[in-house]
């Protein structure tokens, strides 16, 4: 499921992934933890906090929540806005979930 290609791309930074379900966010956070990434703030491990659960419960979030890793932030962050696009982060959503399923050839 998690291969070296996924780990290396996550470590590289300047990406975001749109998570439409708690399960997809959990998969991403597990991969981030395996890559040694953690949240920008108080959490020591990527899996300690799933913002999708918090946002969907508090605000009734029906669309995807973006989780990203900007090298300048030195940690994972999340947003439901266009901030990542404005910062020039790459949307690797399709690539990531294809790679998890073993469907990427590059």
N, C-alpha and C. Protein backbone atom coordinates (compact mmCIF):
# COMPACT_ATOMS: atom_id res chain seq x y z
N UNK A 1 0.82 -1.20 0.00
CA UNK A 1 0.00 0.00 0.00
C UNK A 1 0.86 1.26 0.00
N UNK A 2 1.72 1.43 1.01
CA UNK A 2 2.59 2.60 1.05
C UNK A 2 3.95 2.19 0.52
N UNK A 3 4.37 2.82 -0.57
CA UNK A 3 5.66 2.46 -1.12
C UNK A 3 6.64 3.64 -1.00
N UNK A 4 7.85 3.39 -1.39
CA UNK A 4 8.92 4.39 -1.30
C UNK A 4 8.61 5.63 -2.14
N UNK A 5 7.99 5.43 -3.29
CA UNK A 5 7.64 6.54 -4.17
C UNK A 5 6.67 7.51 -3.47
N UNK A 6 5.71 6.98 -2.77
CA UNK A 6 4.76 7.82 -2.03
C UNK A 6 5.48 8.57 -0.92
N UNK A 7 6.27 7.85 -0.16
CA UNK A 7 7.00 8.46 0.95
C UNK A 7 7.89 9.60 0.48
N UNK A 8 8.65 9.36 -0.59
CA UNK A 8 9.56 10.39 -1.10
C UNK A 8 8.80 11.61 -1.62
N UNK A 9 7.67 11.40 -2.30
CA UNK A 9 6.92 12.55 -2.82
C UNK A 9 6.34 13.37 -1.67
N UNK A 10 5.85 12.72 -0.64
CA UNK A 10 5.29 13.45 0.50
C UNK A 10 6.38 14.26 1.20
N UNK A 11 7.55 13.68 1.35
CA UNK A 11 8.66 14.39 2.00
C UNK A 11 9.13 15.60 1.20
N UNK A 12 9.01 15.53 -0.10
CA UNK A 12 9.45 16.61 -0.98
C UNK A 12 8.73 17.92 -0.67
N UNK A 13 7.47 17.83 -0.30
CA UNK A 13 6.70 19.02 0.08
C UNK A 13 6.07 19.76 -1.07
N UNK A 14 5.45 20.89 -0.72
CA UNK A 14 4.76 21.77 -1.65
C UNK A 14 3.65 21.06 -2.42
N UNK A 15 2.82 20.33 -1.70
CA UNK A 15 1.69 19.59 -2.26
C UNK A 15 0.47 19.75 -1.35
N UNK A 16 -0.67 19.41 -1.91
CA UNK A 16 -1.89 19.23 -1.11
C UNK A 16 -2.73 18.12 -1.71
N UNK A 17 -3.57 17.54 -0.87
CA UNK A 17 -4.45 16.45 -1.28
C UNK A 17 -5.85 16.77 -0.76
N UNK A 18 -6.84 16.61 -1.62
CA UNK A 18 -8.23 16.84 -1.23
C UNK A 18 -8.79 15.53 -0.69
N UNK A 19 -9.22 15.57 0.55
CA UNK A 19 -9.81 14.39 1.20
C UNK A 19 -11.31 14.61 1.33
N UNK A 20 -12.08 13.71 0.73
CA UNK A 20 -13.53 13.85 0.73
C UNK A 20 -14.21 13.01 1.80
N UNK A 21 -13.45 12.15 2.45
CA UNK A 21 -14.00 11.32 3.51
C UNK A 21 -12.98 11.22 4.65
N UNK A 22 -13.47 10.83 5.80
CA UNK A 22 -12.59 10.59 6.94
C UNK A 22 -11.58 9.50 6.60
N UNK A 23 -12.04 8.48 5.89
CA UNK A 23 -11.16 7.36 5.54
C UNK A 23 -10.01 7.80 4.64
N UNK A 24 -10.31 8.66 3.67
CA UNK A 24 -9.23 9.15 2.79
C UNK A 24 -8.24 10.01 3.57
N UNK A 25 -8.76 10.84 4.48
CA UNK A 25 -7.87 11.65 5.31
C UNK A 25 -7.02 10.74 6.19
N UNK A 26 -7.61 9.69 6.74
CA UNK A 26 -6.84 8.74 7.56
C UNK A 26 -5.73 8.09 6.75
N UNK A 27 -6.02 7.68 5.51
CA UNK A 27 -5.00 7.08 4.65
C UNK A 27 -3.84 8.04 4.41
N UNK A 28 -4.19 9.28 4.09
CA UNK A 28 -3.15 10.29 3.86
C UNK A 28 -2.31 10.50 5.11
N UNK A 29 -2.95 10.63 6.25
CA UNK A 29 -2.22 10.90 7.49
C UNK A 29 -1.34 9.72 7.89
N UNK A 30 -1.79 8.50 7.60
CA UNK A 30 -0.94 7.33 7.86
C UNK A 30 0.30 7.38 6.97
N UNK A 31 0.11 7.75 5.70
CA UNK A 31 1.25 7.86 4.78
C UNK A 31 2.20 8.97 5.22
N UNK A 32 1.64 10.08 5.69
CA UNK A 32 2.47 11.19 6.17
C UNK A 32 3.27 10.78 7.39
N UNK A 33 2.64 10.04 8.28
CA UNK A 33 3.35 9.58 9.47
C UNK A 33 4.49 8.65 9.08
N UNK A 34 4.23 7.77 8.14
CA UNK A 34 5.26 6.85 7.65
C UNK A 34 6.43 7.62 7.03
N UNK A 35 6.11 8.78 6.43
CA UNK A 35 7.14 9.63 5.80
C UNK A 35 7.83 10.53 6.82
N UNK A 36 7.38 10.49 8.07
CA UNK A 36 8.00 11.31 9.12
C UNK A 36 7.47 12.72 9.19
N UNK A 37 6.33 13.00 8.55
CA UNK A 37 5.74 14.33 8.59
C UNK A 37 4.82 14.45 9.80
N UNK A 38 4.70 15.65 10.30
CA UNK A 38 3.80 15.89 11.43
C UNK A 38 3.08 17.22 11.22
N UNK A 39 2.14 17.50 12.06
CA UNK A 39 1.38 18.75 11.97
C UNK A 39 2.25 19.93 12.33
N UNK A 40 1.93 21.06 11.78
CA UNK A 40 2.68 22.30 11.98
C UNK A 40 2.61 22.81 13.42
N UNK A 41 1.59 22.47 14.12
CA UNK A 41 1.36 23.02 15.47
C UNK A 41 1.71 22.03 16.57
N UNK A 42 0.78 21.73 17.43
CA UNK A 42 1.06 21.01 18.67
C UNK A 42 1.14 19.49 18.56
N UNK A 43 0.69 18.93 17.46
CA UNK A 43 0.65 17.47 17.37
C UNK A 43 2.00 16.90 16.96
N UNK A 44 2.41 15.86 17.63
CA UNK A 44 3.72 15.26 17.40
C UNK A 44 3.71 14.23 16.26
N UNK A 45 2.51 13.71 15.95
CA UNK A 45 2.39 12.71 14.89
C UNK A 45 1.27 13.13 13.94
N UNK A 46 1.40 12.74 12.68
CA UNK A 46 0.39 13.10 11.68
C UNK A 46 -0.98 12.53 12.03
N UNK A 47 -1.00 11.35 12.63
CA UNK A 47 -2.28 10.69 12.90
C UNK A 47 -2.96 11.14 14.19
N UNK A 48 -2.33 12.04 14.93
CA UNK A 48 -2.95 12.52 16.18
C UNK A 48 -4.18 13.37 15.96
N UNK A 49 -4.31 13.93 14.75
CA UNK A 49 -5.40 14.85 14.47
C UNK A 49 -5.88 14.62 13.05
N UNK A 50 -7.18 14.46 12.88
CA UNK A 50 -7.76 14.38 11.54
C UNK A 50 -8.72 15.54 11.38
N UNK A 51 -8.31 16.60 10.67
CA UNK A 51 -9.14 17.79 10.56
C UNK A 51 -10.47 17.53 9.87
N UNK A 52 -10.53 16.50 9.03
CA UNK A 52 -11.80 16.20 8.36
C UNK A 52 -12.87 15.87 9.39
N UNK A 53 -12.52 15.11 10.40
CA UNK A 53 -13.49 14.76 11.45
C UNK A 53 -13.97 16.02 12.17
N UNK A 54 -13.05 16.89 12.53
CA UNK A 54 -13.38 18.12 13.25
C UNK A 54 -14.24 19.04 12.41
N UNK A 55 -13.83 19.30 11.17
CA UNK A 55 -14.58 20.22 10.31
C UNK A 55 -15.95 19.67 9.95
N UNK A 56 -16.03 18.39 9.60
CA UNK A 56 -17.31 17.84 9.16
C UNK A 56 -18.31 17.79 10.30
N UNK A 57 -17.84 17.59 11.53
CA UNK A 57 -18.74 17.57 12.68
C UNK A 57 -19.19 18.97 13.06
N UNK A 58 -18.28 19.93 13.04
CA UNK A 58 -18.60 21.29 13.48
C UNK A 58 -19.35 22.10 12.43
N UNK A 59 -18.97 21.95 11.17
CA UNK A 59 -19.52 22.83 10.15
C UNK A 59 -20.38 22.12 9.12
N UNK A 60 -20.53 20.83 9.25
CA UNK A 60 -21.30 20.09 8.26
C UNK A 60 -20.62 20.06 6.91
N UNK A 61 -19.29 20.06 6.90
CA UNK A 61 -18.50 20.06 5.67
C UNK A 61 -18.92 18.91 4.77
N UNK A 62 -19.37 19.23 3.59
CA UNK A 62 -19.83 18.21 2.65
C UNK A 62 -18.82 17.99 1.52
N UNK A 63 -17.97 18.96 1.27
CA UNK A 63 -16.98 18.83 0.21
C UNK A 63 -15.63 18.49 0.82
N UNK A 64 -14.68 18.30 -0.02
CA UNK A 64 -13.37 17.90 0.44
C UNK A 64 -12.64 18.95 1.25
N UNK A 65 -11.81 18.48 2.12
CA UNK A 65 -10.93 19.31 2.92
C UNK A 65 -9.52 19.07 2.40
N UNK A 66 -8.76 20.14 2.24
CA UNK A 66 -7.41 20.02 1.71
C UNK A 66 -6.42 19.91 2.87
N UNK A 67 -5.55 18.91 2.77
CA UNK A 67 -4.45 18.74 3.71
C UNK A 67 -3.19 18.89 2.89
N UNK A 68 -2.28 19.74 3.36
CA UNK A 68 -1.09 20.02 2.57
C UNK A 68 0.17 20.09 3.39
N UNK A 69 1.28 20.07 2.65
CA UNK A 69 2.59 20.20 3.28
C UNK A 69 3.41 21.19 2.46
N UNK A 70 3.54 22.38 3.00
CA UNK A 70 4.34 23.43 2.38
C UNK A 70 5.68 23.43 3.10
N UNK A 71 6.76 23.27 2.36
CA UNK A 71 8.09 23.19 3.00
C UNK A 71 8.37 24.37 3.90
N UNK A 72 7.89 25.56 3.55
CA UNK A 72 8.16 26.73 4.38
C UNK A 72 7.42 26.69 5.71
N UNK A 73 6.33 25.93 5.80
CA UNK A 73 5.59 25.80 7.07
C UNK A 73 6.20 24.75 7.98
N UNK A 74 6.99 23.86 7.42
CA UNK A 74 7.64 22.79 8.18
C UNK A 74 6.66 21.86 8.89
N UNK A 75 5.50 21.67 8.30
CA UNK A 75 4.53 20.75 8.87
C UNK A 75 3.24 20.74 8.09
N UNK A 76 2.40 19.75 8.38
CA UNK A 76 1.11 19.63 7.73
C UNK A 76 0.17 20.74 8.17
N UNK A 77 -0.66 21.18 7.26
CA UNK A 77 -1.70 22.16 7.55
C UNK A 77 -2.96 21.71 6.82
N UNK A 78 -4.07 22.40 7.07
CA UNK A 78 -5.31 22.08 6.37
C UNK A 78 -6.09 23.35 6.08
N UNK A 79 -6.95 23.28 5.06
CA UNK A 79 -7.78 24.41 4.69
C UNK A 79 -8.98 23.91 3.90
N UNK A 80 -10.01 24.72 3.86
CA UNK A 80 -11.13 24.44 2.96
C UNK A 80 -11.26 25.58 1.95
N UNK A 81 -10.20 26.38 1.82
CA UNK A 81 -10.19 27.52 0.90
C UNK A 81 -9.27 27.23 -0.29
N UNK A 82 -9.00 28.26 -1.07
CA UNK A 82 -8.09 28.13 -2.22
C UNK A 82 -6.66 28.54 -1.86
N UNK A 83 -6.35 28.62 -0.59
CA UNK A 83 -5.03 29.10 -0.15
C UNK A 83 -3.87 28.32 -0.75
N UNK A 84 -3.98 27.02 -0.84
CA UNK A 84 -2.88 26.22 -1.37
C UNK A 84 -2.63 26.52 -2.84
N UNK A 85 -3.70 26.71 -3.59
CA UNK A 85 -3.54 27.08 -5.00
C UNK A 85 -2.85 28.43 -5.12
N UNK A 86 -3.25 29.35 -4.27
CA UNK A 86 -2.65 30.69 -4.28
C UNK A 86 -1.17 30.65 -3.91
N UNK A 87 -0.78 29.68 -3.07
CA UNK A 87 0.63 29.52 -2.69
C UNK A 87 1.43 28.75 -3.74
N UNK A 88 0.74 28.20 -4.72
CA UNK A 88 1.43 27.45 -5.77
C UNK A 88 1.72 26.00 -5.41
N UNK A 89 1.04 25.46 -4.41
CA UNK A 89 1.23 24.06 -4.07
C UNK A 89 0.57 23.18 -5.13
N UNK A 90 1.14 22.02 -5.37
CA UNK A 90 0.64 21.11 -6.39
C UNK A 90 -0.45 20.21 -5.81
N UNK A 91 -1.55 20.09 -6.53
CA UNK A 91 -2.62 19.18 -6.15
C UNK A 91 -2.22 17.78 -6.61
N UNK A 92 -1.86 16.90 -5.67
CA UNK A 92 -1.44 15.54 -6.02
C UNK A 92 -2.49 14.51 -5.61
N UNK A 93 -3.72 14.93 -5.48
CA UNK A 93 -4.80 14.05 -5.02
C UNK A 93 -4.92 12.79 -5.87
N UNK A 94 -5.10 12.97 -7.16
CA UNK A 94 -5.29 11.82 -8.04
C UNK A 94 -4.06 10.91 -8.03
N UNK A 95 -2.87 11.53 -8.11
CA UNK A 95 -1.64 10.74 -8.09
C UNK A 95 -1.55 9.93 -6.79
N UNK A 96 -1.80 10.56 -5.66
CA UNK A 96 -1.67 9.90 -4.36
C UNK A 96 -2.59 8.69 -4.25
N UNK A 97 -3.87 8.88 -4.52
CA UNK A 97 -4.81 7.76 -4.35
C UNK A 97 -4.60 6.67 -5.39
N UNK A 98 -4.15 7.03 -6.59
CA UNK A 98 -3.76 6.01 -7.57
C UNK A 98 -2.55 5.23 -7.07
N UNK A 99 -1.57 5.93 -6.51
CA UNK A 99 -0.37 5.26 -5.99
C UNK A 99 -0.70 4.34 -4.84
N UNK A 100 -1.62 4.74 -3.98
CA UNK A 100 -2.04 3.88 -2.87
C UNK A 100 -2.66 2.59 -3.41
N UNK A 101 -3.41 2.71 -4.50
CA UNK A 101 -4.03 1.52 -5.11
C UNK A 101 -3.06 0.77 -6.01
N UNK A 102 -1.82 1.29 -6.18
CA UNK A 102 -0.83 0.64 -7.02
C UNK A 102 -1.07 0.86 -8.50
N UNK A 103 -1.73 1.96 -8.85
CA UNK A 103 -2.09 2.21 -10.25
C UNK A 103 -1.18 3.21 -10.94
N UNK A 104 -0.20 3.77 -10.28
CA UNK A 104 0.71 4.71 -10.93
C UNK A 104 1.87 3.96 -11.57
N UNK A 105 2.22 4.38 -12.74
CA UNK A 105 3.33 3.74 -13.45
C UNK A 105 4.58 4.60 -13.44
N UNK A 106 4.48 5.87 -12.95
CA UNK A 106 5.66 6.74 -12.98
C UNK A 106 6.25 6.91 -11.62
